[in-house]
Amino acid sequence: MKDIVITAQRVKREWLTVLVCFIAACLVNLGAIIGYSRPWTELFSQIGYVVAVTVLLYILLWIVRGIIALVKWIIRKITKH
């Protein structure tokens, strides 16, 4: 069986992607706090929802990346013939 090697650069890029998703979820939370005139303590008390939205965003990114990879693979197969 062939070994799979994940480079340090790839790991770093994935962590950066997760960080960007977390920041986006925090900004959504911040917008909701301002939009609904809620107390600022919700910025920290709702961290569970922020983490859940972060995971959801990351999964959606994986789906989009998978679709892009599939389309690229199909295009390569078509253009080979």
C-alpha atoms as a PDB file:
ATOM      1  CA  MET A   1       0.000   0.000   0.000  1.00  0.00           C
ATOM      2  CA  LYS A   2       1.244   3.468  -0.867  1.00  0.00           C
ATOM      3  CA  ASP A   3       2.003   6.001   1.890  1.00  0.00           C
ATOM      4  CA  ILE A   4       0.271   9.350   1.841  1.00  0.00           C
ATOM      5  CA  VAL A   5       2.506  12.304   2.662  1.00  0.00           C
ATOM      6  CA  ILE A   6       0.970  15.532   3.886  1.00  0.00           C
ATOM      7  CA  THR A   7       3.421  18.394   3.686  1.00  0.00           C
ATOM      8  CA  ALA A   8       3.884  20.976   6.411  1.00  0.00           C
ATOM      9  CA  GLN A   9       2.831  23.647   3.930  1.00  0.00           C
ATOM     10  CA  ARG A  10      -0.468  21.839   3.324  1.00  0.00           C
ATOM     11  CA  VAL A  11      -1.121  21.529   7.079  1.00  0.00           C
ATOM     12  CA  LYS A  12      -0.355  25.215   7.553  1.00  0.00           C
ATOM     13  CA  ARG A  13      -2.728  26.154   4.727  1.00  0.00           C
ATOM     14  CA  GLU A  14      -5.534  24.064   6.251  1.00  0.00           C
ATOM     15  CA  TRP A  15      -5.038  25.697   9.664  1.00  0.00           C
ATOM     16  CA  LEU A  16      -5.145  29.101   7.990  1.00  0.00           C
ATOM     17  CA  THR A  17      -8.388  28.080   6.283  1.00  0.00           C
ATOM     18  CA  VAL A  18      -9.889  27.064   9.627  1.00  0.00           C
ATOM     19  CA  LEU A  19      -8.742  30.367  11.136  1.00  0.00           C
ATOM     20  CA  VAL A  20     -10.386  32.327   8.319  1.00  0.00           C
ATOM     21  CA  CYS A  21     -13.610  30.356   8.845  1.00  0.00           C
ATOM     22  CA  PHE A  22     -13.455  31.115  12.580  1.00  0.00           C
ATOM     23  CA  ILE A  23     -12.919  34.832  11.950  1.00  0.00           C
ATOM     24  CA  ALA A  24     -15.840  34.857   9.495  1.00  0.00           C
ATOM     25  CA  ALA A  25     -18.076  33.153  12.083  1.00  0.00           C
ATOM     26  CA  CYS A  26     -16.983  35.686  14.725  1.00  0.00           C
ATOM     27  CA  LEU A  27     -17.829  38.527  12.363  1.00  0.00           C
ATOM     28  CA  VAL A  28     -21.277  37.034  11.744  1.00  0.00           C
ATOM     29  CA  ASN A  29     -21.762  36.784  15.514  1.00  0.00           C
ATOM     30  CA  LEU A  30     -20.594  40.374  15.945  1.00  0.00           C
ATOM     31  CA  GLY A  31     -22.983  41.535  13.226  1.00  0.00           C
ATOM     32  CA  ALA A  32     -25.866  39.739  14.927  1.00  0.00           C
ATOM     33  CA  ILE A  33     -24.985  41.310  18.284  1.00  0.00           C
ATOM     34  CA  ILE A  34     -24.942  44.787  16.752  1.00  0.00           C
ATOM     35  CA  GLY A  35     -27.973  44.173  14.535  1.00  0.00           C
ATOM     36  CA  TYR A  36     -30.160  42.852  17.334  1.00  0.00           C
ATOM     37  CA  SER A  37     -28.801  45.218  20.022  1.00  0.00           C
ATOM     38  CA  ARG A  38     -27.707  42.380  22.286  1.00  0.00           C
ATOM     39  CA  PRO A  39     -25.242  42.682  25.175  1.00  0.00           C
ATOM     40  CA  TRP A  40     -21.538  42.351  24.330  1.00  0.00           C
ATOM     41  CA  THR A  41     -21.211  39.390  26.673  1.00  0.00           C
ATOM     42  CA  GLU A  42     -22.808  37.299  23.936  1.00  0.00           C
ATOM     43  CA  LEU A  43     -19.567  37.659  22.009  1.00  0.00           C
ATOM     44  CA  PHE A  44     -18.090  35.109  24.438  1.00  0.00           C
ATOM     45  CA  SER A  45     -21.166  33.279  25.691  1.00  0.00           C
ATOM     46  CA  GLN A  46     -22.132  32.180  22.173  1.00  0.00           C
ATOM     47  CA  ILE A  47     -18.716  30.707  21.356  1.00  0.00           C
ATOM     48  CA  GLY A  48     -20.258  27.240  20.925  1.00  0.00           C
ATOM     49  CA  TYR A  49     -22.388  28.513  18.053  1.00  0.00           C
ATOM     50  CA  VAL A  50     -19.366  30.272  16.582  1.00  0.00           C
ATOM     51  CA  VAL A  51     -17.407  27.006  16.611  1.00  0.00           C
ATOM     52  CA  ALA A  52     -20.365  25.174  15.054  1.00  0.00           C
ATOM     53  CA  VAL A  53     -20.600  27.769  12.271  1.00  0.00           C
ATOM     54  CA  THR A  54     -16.826  27.505  11.795  1.00  0.00           C
ATOM     55  CA  VAL A  55     -17.101  23.748  11.271  1.00  0.00           C
ATOM     56  CA  LEU A  56     -20.047  24.226   8.912  1.00  0.00           C
ATOM     57  CA  LEU A  57     -18.113  26.781   6.843  1.00  0.00           C
ATOM     58  CA  TYR A  58     -15.090  24.479   6.704  1.00  0.00           C
ATOM     59  CA  ILE A  59     -17.232  21.549   5.543  1.00  0.00           C
ATOM     60  CA  LEU A  60     -18.860  23.744   2.883  1.00  0.00           C
ATOM     61  CA  LEU A  61     -15.398  24.784   1.694  1.00  0.00           C
ATOM     62  CA  TRP A  62     -14.383  21.118   1.440  1.00  0.00           C
ATOM     63  CA  ILE A  63     -17.487  20.415  -0.652  1.00  0.00           C
ATOM     64  CA  VAL A  64     -16.723  23.327  -2.980  1.00  0.00           C
ATOM     65  CA  ARG A  65     -13.084  22.253  -3.257  1.00  0.00           C
ATOM     66  CA  GLY A  66     -14.209  18.699  -4.023  1.00  0.00           C
ATOM     67  CA  ILE A  67     -16.548  19.874  -6.767  1.00  0.00           C
ATOM     68  CA  ILE A  68     -13.779  22.004  -8.288  1.00  0.00           C
ATOM     69  CA  ALA A  69     -11.362  19.063  -8.185  1.00  0.00           C
ATOM     70  CA  LEU A  70     -13.989  16.808  -9.792  1.00  0.00           C
ATOM     71  CA  VAL A  71     -14.632  19.309 -12.586  1.00  0.00           C
ATOM     72  CA  LYS A  72     -10.883  19.661 -13.198  1.00  0.00           C
ATOM     73  CA  TRP A  73     -10.536  15.861 -13.294  1.00  0.00           C
ATOM     74  CA  ILE A  74     -13.414  15.547 -15.780  1.00  0.00           C
ATOM     75  CA  ILE A  75     -11.948  18.274 -17.981  1.00  0.00           C
ATOM     76  CA  ARG A  76      -8.551  16.539 -17.958  1.00  0.00           C
ATOM     77  CA  LYS A  77     -10.183  13.219 -18.899  1.00  0.00           C
ATOM     78  CA  ILE A  78     -12.121  14.833 -21.751  1.00  0.00           C
ATOM     79  CA  THR A  79      -9.144  16.741 -23.155  1.00  0.00           C
ATOM     80  CA  LYS A  80      -6.861  13.657 -23.054  1.00  0.00           C
ATOM     81  CA  HIS A  81      -8.862  11.907 -25.769  1.00  0.00           C
END
